[in-house]
């Protein structure tokens, strides 16, 4: 009886957590399908795709296309740099070297610092240097302070569990260090690299606090959406939120699909 009661309580708590987590997103998605006369709250006034079509038309407020393009470009650049640097860091930390501990703590220190202070500091540094803050310069650096620690921590965990006997077997068969890395190490860590890429892309694409003081005059999508909340009074804002959320799920689904495909290929 007690076990059943505890199970029921845990189920209820989990259901409330899921509702709290996805309820606002679901509400926004529902309201984005209102008719032309719809507002920002319930009750709904008709059902249509009017606000999605309106999203791709010329807007008096907001630059949807430009901010979306900038966010995607920035996220892709951040992803590439995060994967590359995290991989190199993971390989480097496999051996002991002077200053490794200090370098590790310096790398992860930005995770415990308030994001808005990092953004403010980077923006201020660029202004002092008389360099205009831009999304592809100062904002890129700000985003890397957020994504790189996660990437490095993931790769350290991966290489900490890596079976070195597999590399030794490759060398015993006459493979060069590059061949061992390419044909032994890289295929085994590829799923982890995809995970690092997914982290880097999603963290950068959705980042607001580290962009607000460092992106300059050209907004990224999170900044554009925030600015719209004070100017736009139609469900077109909800339509934008629905599309960006859908895009995020597509990216996550694509990454999981690639990982599943690689796992099946390895199984064969």
Protein backbone atom coordinates (compact mmCIF):
# COMPACT_ATOMS: atom_id res chain seq x y z
CA UNK A 1 0.00 0.00 0.00
CA UNK A 2 2.75 2.40 0.98
CA UNK A 3 4.72 1.49 -2.11
CA UNK A 4 1.72 2.20 -4.33
CA UNK A 5 1.10 5.51 -2.59
CA UNK A 6 4.74 6.55 -3.01
CA UNK A 7 4.62 5.56 -6.67
CA UNK A 8 1.48 7.62 -7.17
CA UNK A 9 3.01 10.67 -5.48
CA UNK A 10 6.17 10.42 -7.58
CA UNK A 11 4.09 10.07 -10.74
CA UNK A 12 2.07 13.13 -9.81
CA UNK A 13 5.19 15.18 -9.07
CA UNK A 14 6.72 14.15 -12.39
CA UNK A 15 3.50 15.04 -14.24
CA UNK A 16 3.49 18.48 -12.60
CA UNK A 17 7.14 18.95 -13.54
CA UNK A 18 6.43 18.08 -17.19
CA UNK A 19 3.43 20.43 -17.19
CA UNK A 20 5.52 23.22 -15.68
CA UNK A 21 8.31 22.58 -18.20
CA UNK A 22 6.30 22.31 -21.40
CA UNK A 23 3.04 24.04 -20.47
CA UNK A 24 4.16 27.57 -21.44
CA UNK A 25 5.58 26.33 -24.75
CA UNK A 26 2.37 24.46 -25.52
CA UNK A 27 0.29 27.54 -24.65
CA UNK A 28 2.35 29.71 -27.01
CA UNK A 29 2.04 27.11 -29.77
CA UNK A 30 -1.76 27.01 -29.40
CA UNK A 31 -2.14 30.79 -29.39
CA UNK A 32 0.03 31.14 -32.50
CA UNK A 33 -2.72 29.46 -34.55
CA UNK A 34 -5.30 32.16 -33.85
CA UNK A 35 -7.28 33.88 -36.56
CA UNK A 36 -6.53 37.37 -37.95
CA UNK A 37 -8.43 38.99 -35.09
CA UNK A 38 -6.63 37.00 -32.41
CA UNK A 39 -4.85 38.52 -29.44
CA UNK A 40 -2.16 37.53 -26.98
CA UNK A 41 -4.42 35.72 -24.54
CA UNK A 42 -7.28 33.24 -24.43
CA UNK A 43 -9.97 32.82 -25.58
CA UNK A 44 -8.87 32.12 -29.14
CA UNK A 45 -10.55 33.99 -31.98
CA UNK A 46 -10.63 31.53 -34.81
CA UNK A 47 -8.00 29.08 -36.06
CA UNK A 48 -5.67 29.79 -38.97
CA UNK A 49 -2.08 30.07 -40.17
CA UNK A 50 -2.43 33.83 -40.57
CA UNK A 51 0.31 34.78 -38.11
CA UNK A 52 2.78 32.32 -39.57
CA UNK A 53 2.23 33.86 -43.01
CA UNK A 54 2.49 37.33 -41.48
CA UNK A 55 5.82 36.35 -39.97
CA UNK A 56 7.42 36.14 -43.43
CA UNK A 57 6.04 39.47 -44.59
CA UNK A 58 7.64 42.88 -44.10
CA UNK A 59 7.34 43.88 -40.45
CA UNK A 60 7.13 47.38 -39.04
CA UNK A 61 8.95 46.14 -35.93
CA UNK A 62 11.65 43.48 -35.84
CA UNK A 63 14.08 41.86 -38.22
CA UNK A 64 13.13 38.19 -38.09
CA UNK A 65 15.07 36.99 -41.10
CA UNK A 66 18.27 38.85 -40.29
CA UNK A 67 18.34 37.89 -36.62
CA UNK A 68 17.57 34.24 -37.42
CA UNK A 69 20.35 34.12 -40.02
CA UNK A 70 22.82 35.68 -37.60
CA UNK A 71 21.88 33.24 -34.84
CA UNK A 72 22.30 30.24 -37.14
CA UNK A 73 25.64 31.48 -38.49
CA UNK A 74 26.92 32.27 -35.00
CA UNK A 75 25.77 28.90 -33.65
CA UNK A 76 27.48 27.04 -36.50
CA UNK A 77 30.76 28.91 -35.96
CA UNK A 78 30.58 28.30 -32.22
CA UNK A 79 29.82 24.62 -32.83
CA UNK A 80 32.81 24.12 -35.10
CA UNK A 81 35.20 25.87 -32.72
CA UNK A 82 33.79 24.08 -29.69
CA UNK A 83 34.14 20.63 -31.24
CA UNK A 84 37.65 21.29 -32.54
CA UNK A 85 39.03 22.89 -29.37
CA UNK A 86 37.32 20.41 -27.05
CA UNK A 87 38.75 17.49 -29.04
CA UNK A 88 42.26 18.94 -28.94
CA UNK A 89 41.91 19.67 -25.22
CA UNK A 90 40.71 16.13 -24.55
CA UNK A 91 43.73 14.72 -26.40
CA UNK A 92 46.10 17.08 -24.59
CA UNK A 93 44.80 16.23 -21.12
CA UNK A 94 45.44 12.53 -21.74
CA UNK A 95 49.05 13.26 -20.80
CA UNK A 96 50.36 15.12 -17.79
CA UNK A 97 51.85 18.51 -18.53
CA UNK A 98 52.87 21.49 -16.45
CA UNK A 99 49.99 23.79 -15.64
CA UNK A 100 47.28 21.26 -16.59
CA UNK A 101 45.35 21.72 -13.33
CA UNK A 102 45.43 25.51 -13.56
CA UNK A 103 44.36 25.41 -17.21
CA UNK A 104 41.46 23.11 -16.37
CA UNK A 105 40.12 25.37 -13.62
CA UNK A 106 40.54 28.47 -15.77
CA UNK A 107 38.56 26.74 -18.52
CA UNK A 108 35.59 25.82 -16.35
CA UNK A 109 35.64 29.02 -14.25
CA UNK A 110 33.29 30.80 -16.64
CA UNK A 111 30.53 28.32 -15.77
CA UNK A 112 30.22 29.74 -12.26
CA UNK A 113 30.42 33.39 -13.30
CA UNK A 114 27.15 35.29 -13.96
CA UNK A 115 26.56 35.32 -17.71
CA UNK A 116 25.53 38.97 -17.77
CA UNK A 117 28.85 39.98 -16.16
CA UNK A 118 30.81 38.07 -18.81
CA UNK A 119 28.80 39.77 -21.54
CA UNK A 120 29.30 43.16 -19.91
CA UNK A 121 33.02 42.58 -19.45
CA UNK A 122 33.60 41.49 -23.05
CA UNK A 123 31.53 44.36 -24.44
CA UNK A 124 33.38 46.84 -22.22
CA UNK A 125 36.75 45.42 -23.27
CA UNK A 126 35.92 45.87 -26.95
CA UNK A 127 34.73 49.43 -26.34
CA UNK A 128 37.93 50.30 -24.48
CA UNK A 129 39.94 48.87 -27.38
CA UNK A 130 37.81 51.03 -29.72
CA UNK A 131 36.56 47.92 -31.55
CA UNK A 132 32.82 47.89 -32.31
CA UNK A 133 31.13 44.86 -30.67
CA UNK A 134 29.72 42.47 -33.28
CA UNK A 135 27.86 39.18 -33.25
CA UNK A 136 30.72 37.49 -35.13
CA UNK A 137 33.46 38.96 -32.90
CA UNK A 138 32.75 39.86 -29.30
CA UNK A 139 29.55 37.77 -29.12
CA UNK A 140 31.44 34.80 -30.55
CA UNK A 141 33.97 35.05 -27.72
CA UNK A 142 31.19 35.40 -25.15
CA UNK A 143 29.42 32.30 -26.43
CA UNK A 144 32.63 30.27 -26.41
CA UNK A 145 33.04 31.00 -22.69
CA UNK A 146 29.75 29.12 -22.26
CA UNK A 147 30.09 26.24 -24.72
CA UNK A 148 33.78 25.37 -24.45
CA UNK A 149 33.73 24.30 -20.77
CA UNK A 150 30.90 21.86 -21.50
CA UNK A 151 32.73 20.49 -24.53
CA UNK A 152 35.99 20.07 -22.63
CA UNK A 153 34.29 18.35 -19.69
CA UNK A 154 32.55 15.91 -22.04
CA UNK A 155 35.76 15.03 -23.87
CA UNK A 156 37.68 14.61 -20.61
CA UNK A 157 35.05 12.14 -19.44
CA UNK A 158 35.19 10.29 -22.77
CA UNK A 159 38.96 9.92 -22.82
CA UNK A 160 39.03 9.04 -19.13
CA UNK A 161 37.04 5.90 -19.97
CA UNK A 162 38.76 5.21 -23.29
CA UNK A 163 40.40 1.79 -23.62
CA UNK A 164 44.02 2.48 -24.53
CA UNK A 165 44.59 -1.16 -25.44
CA UNK A 166 42.69 -0.51 -28.68
CA UNK A 167 45.29 2.06 -29.69
CA UNK A 168 48.11 -0.28 -28.70
CA UNK A 169 46.59 -2.98 -30.87
CA UNK A 170 46.56 -0.61 -33.82
CA UNK A 171 50.20 0.33 -33.28
CA UNK A 172 51.15 -3.34 -32.97
CA UNK A 173 49.61 -3.87 -36.41
CA UNK A 174 51.90 -1.21 -37.86
CA UNK A 175 49.54 1.78 -37.92
CA UNK A 176 51.03 5.24 -37.64
CA UNK A 177 49.82 7.64 -34.88
CA UNK A 178 47.61 9.43 -37.43
CA UNK A 179 46.13 6.13 -38.66
CA UNK A 180 45.46 5.04 -35.07
CA UNK A 181 43.61 8.28 -34.44
CA UNK A 182 41.69 8.19 -37.71
CA UNK A 183 40.68 4.54 -37.81
CA UNK A 184 40.55 3.62 -34.11
CA UNK A 185 40.02 6.65 -31.87
CA UNK A 186 37.89 8.90 -34.07
CA UNK A 187 35.17 6.33 -34.93
CA UNK A 188 34.77 5.49 -31.24
CA UNK A 189 34.47 9.07 -30.04
CA UNK A 190 32.32 10.34 -32.93
CA UNK A 191 29.02 9.99 -30.98
CA UNK A 192 30.54 12.07 -28.19
CA UNK A 193 31.69 14.70 -30.69
CA UNK A 194 28.14 14.86 -32.02
CA UNK A 195 26.97 15.42 -28.45
CA UNK A 196 29.49 18.24 -28.03
CA UNK A 197 28.29 19.75 -31.32
CA UNK A 198 24.67 19.54 -30.17
CA UNK A 199 25.55 21.22 -26.89
CA UNK A 200 27.50 23.96 -28.65
CA UNK A 201 24.80 24.67 -31.22
CA UNK A 202 21.83 24.73 -28.86
CA UNK A 203 23.60 26.72 -26.13
CA UNK A 204 24.73 29.35 -28.63
CA UNK A 205 21.48 29.48 -30.62
CA UNK A 206 19.40 30.10 -27.48
CA UNK A 207 21.86 32.29 -25.56
CA UNK A 208 20.57 35.65 -24.39
CA UNK A 209 22.54 36.87 -21.36
CA UNK A 210 25.99 36.52 -22.93
CA UNK A 211 24.77 38.25 -26.11
CA UNK A 212 22.94 41.24 -24.71
CA UNK A 213 26.07 43.35 -24.06
CA UNK A 214 28.39 41.84 -26.66
CA UNK A 215 26.40 41.43 -29.89
CA UNK A 216 26.54 45.08 -30.91
CA UNK A 217 23.79 46.70 -32.94
CA UNK A 218 22.81 43.57 -34.88
CA UNK A 219 20.54 41.42 -32.73
CA UNK A 220 20.61 37.67 -32.57
CA UNK A 221 17.25 35.90 -32.50
CA UNK A 222 16.90 35.73 -28.67
CA UNK A 223 17.64 39.45 -28.44
CA UNK A 224 15.16 40.18 -31.24
CA UNK A 225 12.44 38.17 -29.52
CA UNK A 226 13.09 39.97 -26.23
CA UNK A 227 12.88 43.33 -27.99
CA UNK A 228 9.63 42.30 -29.63
CA UNK A 229 7.99 41.62 -26.27
CA UNK A 230 7.87 45.38 -25.62
CA UNK A 231 6.68 46.38 -29.12
CA UNK A 232 4.65 43.57 -30.70
CA UNK A 233 1.10 43.05 -29.48
CA UNK A 234 -0.07 40.36 -31.93
CA UNK A 235 0.30 36.55 -32.01
CA UNK A 236 3.05 36.92 -34.63
CA UNK A 237 5.40 36.81 -31.63
CA UNK A 238 3.95 33.43 -30.66
CA UNK A 239 4.30 32.20 -34.24
CA UNK A 240 7.98 33.08 -34.15
CA UNK A 241 8.40 31.28 -30.83
CA UNK A 242 6.64 28.20 -32.20
CA UNK A 243 8.86 28.05 -35.29
CA UNK A 244 12.09 28.53 -33.33
CA UNK A 245 11.06 25.83 -30.86
CA UNK A 246 10.24 23.49 -33.74
CA UNK A 247 13.61 24.24 -35.29
CA UNK A 248 15.35 23.37 -32.00
CA UNK A 249 13.55 20.02 -31.86
CA UNK A 250 14.53 19.32 -35.48
CA UNK A 251 18.19 19.97 -34.68
CA UNK A 252 18.06 17.70 -31.63
CA UNK A 253 16.21 15.01 -33.58
CA UNK A 254 18.73 15.21 -36.41
CA UNK A 255 21.65 14.80 -34.02
CA UNK A 256 20.01 11.82 -32.33
CA UNK A 257 19.27 10.30 -35.74
CA UNK A 258 22.92 10.58 -36.78
CA UNK A 259 24.03 8.97 -33.52
CA UNK A 260 21.57 6.11 -34.01
CA UNK A 261 22.77 5.59 -37.57
CA UNK A 262 26.39 5.46 -36.42
CA UNK A 263 25.49 2.99 -33.68
CA UNK A 264 23.76 0.70 -36.14
CA UNK A 265 26.70 0.91 -38.52
CA UNK A 266 29.10 -0.05 -35.74
CA UNK A 267 26.83 -2.96 -34.76
CA UNK A 268 27.05 -4.35 -38.29
